[in-house]
N, C-alpha and C. Protein backbone atom coordinates (compact mmCIF):
# COMPACT_ATOMS: atom_id res chain seq x y z
N UNK A 1 313.57 49.43 98.59
CA UNK A 1 313.94 50.39 99.78
C UNK A 1 314.94 51.41 99.26
N UNK A 2 315.85 50.78 98.25
CA UNK A 2 317.09 52.02 98.17
C UNK A 2 316.42 53.11 97.28
N UNK A 3 315.18 52.91 96.58
CA UNK A 3 314.74 54.27 95.93
C UNK A 3 314.27 55.06 97.05
N UNK A 4 313.25 54.33 97.91
CA UNK A 4 312.98 55.16 99.09
C UNK A 4 314.06 56.07 99.91
N UNK A 5 314.87 55.29 100.25
CA UNK A 5 316.18 56.00 100.98
C UNK A 5 316.79 57.06 100.23
N UNK A 6 317.35 56.79 98.98
CA UNK A 6 317.74 57.94 98.30
C UNK A 6 316.86 58.86 97.75
N UNK A 7 315.57 58.70 97.58
CA UNK A 7 314.44 59.73 97.41
C UNK A 7 314.45 60.64 98.73
N UNK A 8 314.30 60.03 99.79
CA UNK A 8 313.93 60.81 100.93
C UNK A 8 315.21 61.62 101.45
N UNK A 9 316.45 60.97 101.36
CA UNK A 9 317.99 61.76 101.28
C UNK A 9 317.98 62.99 100.51
N UNK A 10 317.21 62.77 99.05
CA UNK A 10 317.75 63.92 98.38
C UNK A 10 316.61 65.10 98.84
N UNK A 11 315.46 64.91 99.15
CA UNK A 11 314.57 65.95 99.42
C UNK A 11 314.97 66.29 100.80
N UNK A 12 315.33 65.51 101.90
CA UNK A 12 315.75 66.01 103.05
C UNK A 12 317.12 67.04 103.02
N UNK A 13 317.76 66.91 102.10
CA UNK A 13 319.11 67.77 101.85
C UNK A 13 318.75 68.62 101.11
N UNK A 14 317.81 68.84 100.18
CA UNK A 14 317.05 69.95 99.50
C UNK A 14 316.40 70.92 100.35
N UNK A 15 315.73 70.37 101.59
CA UNK A 15 315.26 71.09 102.36
C UNK A 15 316.14 71.89 103.32
N UNK A 16 317.22 71.24 103.99
CA UNK A 16 318.06 71.74 104.71
C UNK A 16 319.01 72.92 103.93
N UNK A 17 319.13 72.43 102.82
CA UNK A 17 319.88 73.42 101.74
C UNK A 17 319.28 74.79 101.70
N UNK A 18 318.04 74.63 101.25
CA UNK A 18 317.31 76.04 101.12
C UNK A 18 316.95 76.71 102.30
N UNK A 19 316.93 76.10 103.48
CA UNK A 19 316.86 76.71 104.82
C UNK A 19 318.03 77.39 105.02
N UNK A 20 319.07 76.51 104.86
CA UNK A 20 320.49 77.30 105.06
C UNK A 20 320.76 78.45 104.34
N UNK A 21 320.28 78.53 103.13
CA UNK A 21 320.62 79.74 102.26
C UNK A 21 319.66 80.82 102.79
N UNK A 22 318.32 80.63 103.28
CA UNK A 22 317.57 81.48 103.75
C UNK A 22 318.06 82.20 104.89
N UNK A 23 318.67 81.06 105.74
CA UNK A 23 319.18 81.61 107.21
C UNK A 23 320.78 82.49 106.67
N UNK A 24 321.45 81.97 105.88
CA UNK A 24 322.56 82.87 105.56
C UNK A 24 322.32 84.38 105.16
N UNK A 25 321.26 84.43 104.61
CA UNK A 25 320.97 86.03 104.39
C UNK A 25 320.17 86.91 105.38
N UNK A 26 319.70 86.13 106.21
CA UNK A 26 319.21 86.63 107.31
C UNK A 26 320.20 87.06 108.66
N UNK A 27 321.30 86.75 108.20
CA UNK A 27 322.47 87.19 109.41
C UNK A 27 323.17 88.20 108.79
N UNK A 28 323.71 89.51 109.48
CA UNK A 28 324.33 90.37 109.18
C UNK A 28 325.75 90.23 109.44
N UNK A 29 326.16 89.06 110.19
CA UNK A 29 327.42 88.74 110.53
C UNK A 29 327.96 87.99 109.41
N UNK A 30 329.19 88.44 109.13
CA UNK A 30 329.68 87.73 107.82
C UNK A 30 330.19 86.02 108.46
N UNK A 31 330.44 85.95 109.67
CA UNK A 31 330.93 84.42 110.00
C UNK A 31 329.52 83.50 109.95
N UNK A 32 328.53 83.90 110.46
CA UNK A 32 327.14 83.53 110.26
C UNK A 32 326.74 83.25 108.82
N UNK A 33 326.77 84.42 107.92
CA UNK A 33 326.51 84.25 106.64
C UNK A 33 327.21 83.08 105.89
N UNK A 34 328.76 83.14 106.13
CA UNK A 34 329.69 81.85 105.66
C UNK A 34 329.11 80.66 106.03
N UNK A 35 329.05 80.53 107.30
CA UNK A 35 328.71 79.27 108.05
C UNK A 35 327.72 78.63 107.23
N UNK A 36 326.37 79.28 107.19
CA UNK A 36 325.18 78.96 106.65
C UNK A 36 325.12 78.74 105.15
N UNK A 37 326.13 79.62 104.40
CA UNK A 37 326.34 79.28 102.98
C UNK A 37 327.19 77.82 102.83
N UNK A 38 328.13 77.58 103.65
CA UNK A 38 328.88 76.21 103.73
C UNK A 38 327.86 75.18 103.98
N UNK A 39 326.98 75.14 105.02
CA UNK A 39 326.03 74.26 105.07
C UNK A 39 324.97 74.13 103.89
N UNK A 40 324.56 75.29 103.53
CA UNK A 40 323.54 75.23 102.10
C UNK A 40 324.43 74.24 100.96
N UNK A 41 325.67 74.73 100.81
CA UNK A 41 326.42 74.27 99.77
C UNK A 41 326.73 72.39 99.86
N UNK A 42 327.07 72.18 101.08
CA UNK A 42 327.10 70.95 101.36
C UNK A 42 326.13 70.07 101.28
N UNK A 43 324.99 70.62 101.89
CA UNK A 43 323.71 69.80 101.97
C UNK A 43 323.09 69.59 100.48
N UNK A 44 323.42 71.01 99.57
CA UNK A 44 323.04 70.82 98.23
C UNK A 44 323.93 69.69 97.57
N UNK A 45 325.10 69.76 97.79
CA UNK A 45 326.08 68.53 97.05
C UNK A 45 325.44 67.12 97.40
N UNK A 46 325.19 66.93 98.76
CA UNK A 46 324.53 65.58 99.16
C UNK A 46 323.36 65.52 98.52
N UNK A 47 322.48 66.29 98.56
CA UNK A 47 321.33 66.25 97.44
C UNK A 47 321.43 65.57 96.16
N UNK A 48 322.58 66.26 95.39
CA UNK A 48 322.97 65.87 94.20
C UNK A 48 323.38 64.38 94.14
N UNK A 49 324.22 64.07 95.22
CA UNK A 49 324.66 62.84 95.38
C UNK A 49 323.55 61.64 95.36
N UNK A 50 322.39 62.11 96.16
CA UNK A 50 321.42 61.16 96.35
C UNK A 50 320.51 61.18 95.11
N UNK A 51 320.39 62.41 94.52
CA UNK A 51 319.61 62.24 93.21
C UNK A 51 320.35 61.36 92.14
N UNK A 52 321.59 61.60 92.25
CA UNK A 52 322.43 60.84 91.08
C UNK A 52 322.28 59.22 91.32
N UNK A 53 322.52 58.96 92.42
CA UNK A 53 322.11 57.66 92.71
C UNK A 53 320.65 57.05 92.73
N UNK A 54 319.75 57.67 92.78
CA UNK A 54 318.34 57.48 92.73
C UNK A 54 318.22 57.39 90.99
N UNK A 55 318.77 58.20 90.13
CA UNK A 55 318.58 58.03 88.76
C UNK A 55 319.15 56.70 88.27
N UNK A 56 320.27 55.83 89.07
CA UNK A 56 320.54 54.72 88.85
C UNK A 56 319.25 53.36 89.12
N UNK A 57 318.44 53.81 89.81
CA UNK A 57 317.24 52.85 90.21
C UNK A 57 315.99 53.14 89.51
N UNK A 58 315.74 54.17 89.05
CA UNK A 58 314.46 54.54 88.44
C UNK A 58 314.62 55.47 87.13
N UNK A 59 313.69 55.28 86.12
CA UNK A 59 313.91 56.26 84.89
C UNK A 59 314.09 57.60 85.30
N UNK A 60 314.29 58.28 84.38
CA UNK A 60 314.90 59.50 84.40
C UNK A 60 313.65 60.61 84.69
N UNK A 61 312.65 60.14 84.01
CA UNK A 61 311.26 60.89 84.03
C UNK A 61 310.73 60.90 85.50
N UNK A 62 310.73 59.64 86.09
CA UNK A 62 310.25 59.44 87.30
C UNK A 62 310.87 60.27 88.23
N UNK A 63 312.39 60.06 88.38
CA UNK A 63 313.51 60.63 89.40
C UNK A 63 313.21 62.02 89.36
N UNK A 64 313.09 62.57 88.13
CA UNK A 64 313.19 64.27 87.98
C UNK A 64 311.72 64.77 88.52
N UNK A 65 310.51 63.89 88.27
CA UNK A 65 309.38 64.55 88.62
C UNK A 65 309.12 64.62 89.88
N UNK A 66 309.76 63.38 90.39
CA UNK A 66 309.49 63.24 91.91
C UNK A 66 310.28 64.22 92.77
N UNK A 67 311.64 64.31 92.50
CA UNK A 67 312.35 65.05 93.46
C UNK A 67 312.19 66.62 93.20
N UNK A 68 311.75 67.12 91.96
CA UNK A 68 311.52 68.11 91.63
C UNK A 68 310.34 68.78 92.43
N UNK A 69 309.19 67.79 92.21
CA UNK A 69 307.76 68.28 92.84
C UNK A 69 307.87 68.32 94.54
N UNK A 70 308.27 67.23 94.71
CA UNK A 70 308.26 67.08 96.16
C UNK A 70 309.35 67.98 96.81
N UNK A 71 310.54 68.30 96.21
CA UNK A 71 311.35 69.25 96.89
C UNK A 71 310.79 70.54 96.83
N UNK A 72 310.02 70.84 95.84
CA UNK A 72 309.14 72.25 95.99
C UNK A 72 308.16 72.08 97.40
N UNK A 73 307.54 71.08 97.28
CA UNK A 73 306.43 70.95 98.17
C UNK A 73 307.07 70.90 99.64
N UNK A 74 308.04 69.98 100.01
CA UNK A 74 308.45 70.13 101.24
C UNK A 74 309.42 71.43 101.61
N UNK A 75 310.17 72.19 100.47
CA UNK A 75 310.78 73.22 101.05
C UNK A 75 309.74 74.34 101.39
N UNK A 76 308.59 74.40 100.95
CA UNK A 76 307.48 75.45 101.22
C UNK A 76 306.80 74.98 102.52
N UNK A 77 306.38 73.84 102.57
CA UNK A 77 305.84 73.58 103.84
C UNK A 77 306.73 73.32 105.28
N UNK A 78 307.88 72.48 104.97
CA UNK A 78 308.79 72.53 106.15
C UNK A 78 309.51 73.79 106.21
N UNK A 79 310.01 74.19 105.09
CA UNK A 79 310.93 75.23 105.29
C UNK A 79 310.24 76.73 105.60
N UNK A 80 309.25 77.18 104.74
CA UNK A 80 308.75 78.35 104.68
C UNK A 80 307.53 78.27 106.07
N UNK A 81 306.79 77.20 106.03
CA UNK A 81 305.77 77.34 106.68
C UNK A 81 306.09 77.12 108.32
N UNK A 82 306.84 75.74 108.38
CA UNK A 82 307.13 75.45 109.88
C UNK A 82 308.28 75.96 110.41
N UNK A 83 309.10 76.04 109.38
CA UNK A 83 310.63 76.88 109.93
C UNK A 83 310.46 78.04 110.26
N UNK A 84 310.27 78.81 109.25
CA UNK A 84 310.24 80.38 109.05
C UNK A 84 308.98 80.88 109.52
N UNK A 85 307.96 80.23 109.84
CA UNK A 85 306.41 80.65 110.22
C UNK A 85 306.09 81.76 109.11
N UNK A 86 306.16 81.47 107.82
CA UNK A 86 305.69 82.39 106.66
C UNK A 86 304.48 81.56 106.53
N UNK A 87 303.41 82.62 106.20
CA UNK A 87 302.06 82.30 105.61
C UNK A 87 301.91 81.60 104.56
N UNK A 88 301.14 80.62 104.14
CA UNK A 88 301.07 80.04 102.89
C UNK A 88 299.43 80.14 102.64
N UNK A 89 299.10 80.87 101.48
CA UNK A 89 297.92 81.32 101.43
C UNK A 89 297.12 80.25 100.78
N UNK A 90 295.57 80.12 101.00
CA UNK A 90 294.63 79.11 100.51
C UNK A 90 295.24 78.86 99.14
N UNK A 91 295.24 79.69 98.26
CA UNK A 91 295.52 79.59 96.85
C UNK A 91 296.71 78.90 96.77
N UNK A 92 297.94 78.95 97.62
CA UNK A 92 299.26 78.38 97.37
C UNK A 92 299.03 76.99 97.78
N UNK A 93 298.24 76.64 98.71
CA UNK A 93 297.94 75.20 99.17
C UNK A 93 297.30 74.48 98.12
N UNK A 94 296.48 75.26 97.26
CA UNK A 94 295.74 74.64 96.09
C UNK A 94 296.82 74.30 95.08
N UNK A 95 297.72 75.10 94.91
CA UNK A 95 298.78 75.07 94.13
C UNK A 95 299.60 73.98 94.38
N UNK A 96 299.94 73.66 95.73
CA UNK A 96 300.61 72.41 96.35
C UNK A 96 299.92 71.20 95.87
N UNK A 97 298.48 71.14 96.15
CA UNK A 97 297.71 70.12 95.85
C UNK A 97 297.84 69.91 94.23
N UNK A 98 297.80 70.68 93.50
CA UNK A 98 297.73 70.42 92.08
C UNK A 98 299.18 70.00 91.66
N UNK A 99 300.13 70.29 92.17
CA UNK A 99 301.64 69.88 92.06
C UNK A 99 301.67 68.45 92.31
N UNK A 100 301.01 67.97 93.45
CA UNK A 100 301.43 66.57 93.62
C UNK A 100 300.24 65.64 92.66
N UNK A 101 299.01 66.43 92.22
CA UNK A 101 298.25 65.74 91.31
C UNK A 101 298.84 65.87 90.20
N UNK A 102 299.45 66.69 89.68
CA UNK A 102 300.36 66.71 88.23
C UNK A 102 301.23 65.71 88.19
N UNK A 103 302.18 65.71 89.54
CA UNK A 103 303.16 64.63 89.69
C UNK A 103 302.73 63.14 89.42
N UNK A 104 301.69 62.96 90.26
CA UNK A 104 301.19 61.61 90.03
C UNK A 104 301.04 61.29 88.34
N UNK A 105 300.23 62.28 87.83
CA UNK A 105 299.77 62.15 86.18
C UNK A 105 301.23 61.53 85.76
N UNK A 106 302.19 62.39 85.70
CA UNK A 106 303.53 62.14 85.24
C UNK A 106 304.05 60.72 85.49
N UNK A 107 303.97 60.44 86.61
CA UNK A 107 304.64 59.01 86.99
C UNK A 107 303.69 58.13 86.54
N UNK A 108 302.64 58.28 86.70
CA UNK A 108 301.61 56.98 86.11
C UNK A 108 301.46 56.96 84.78
N UNK A 109 301.76 57.52 83.87
CA UNK A 109 301.47 57.41 82.28
C UNK A 109 302.18 56.60 81.71
N UNK A 110 302.99 55.81 82.23
CA UNK A 110 303.48 54.70 81.37
C UNK A 110 302.93 53.42 81.79
């Protein structure tokens, strides 16, 4: 259960961090820019803390593969597609699926 929670927190904070950085550059107001930068950096820090804890529970190759791949996928799907309403092309969906398949191969090889 601790593995799932630390993994989920790492991914959640990664998505929030990336969305915050995008929001910061969309603001022309310095106050809002700084606000979203602070949120992005804080949640990025929390992501690193969750990831570091995850590495105490799983081998490095599994922790790195899962957090990198699923961080990429969730930022694209939840951040870009759902939050910012950016288009994800069919070829990009194929890439997302290939990332998932590749990650399964990395994790299941031992």
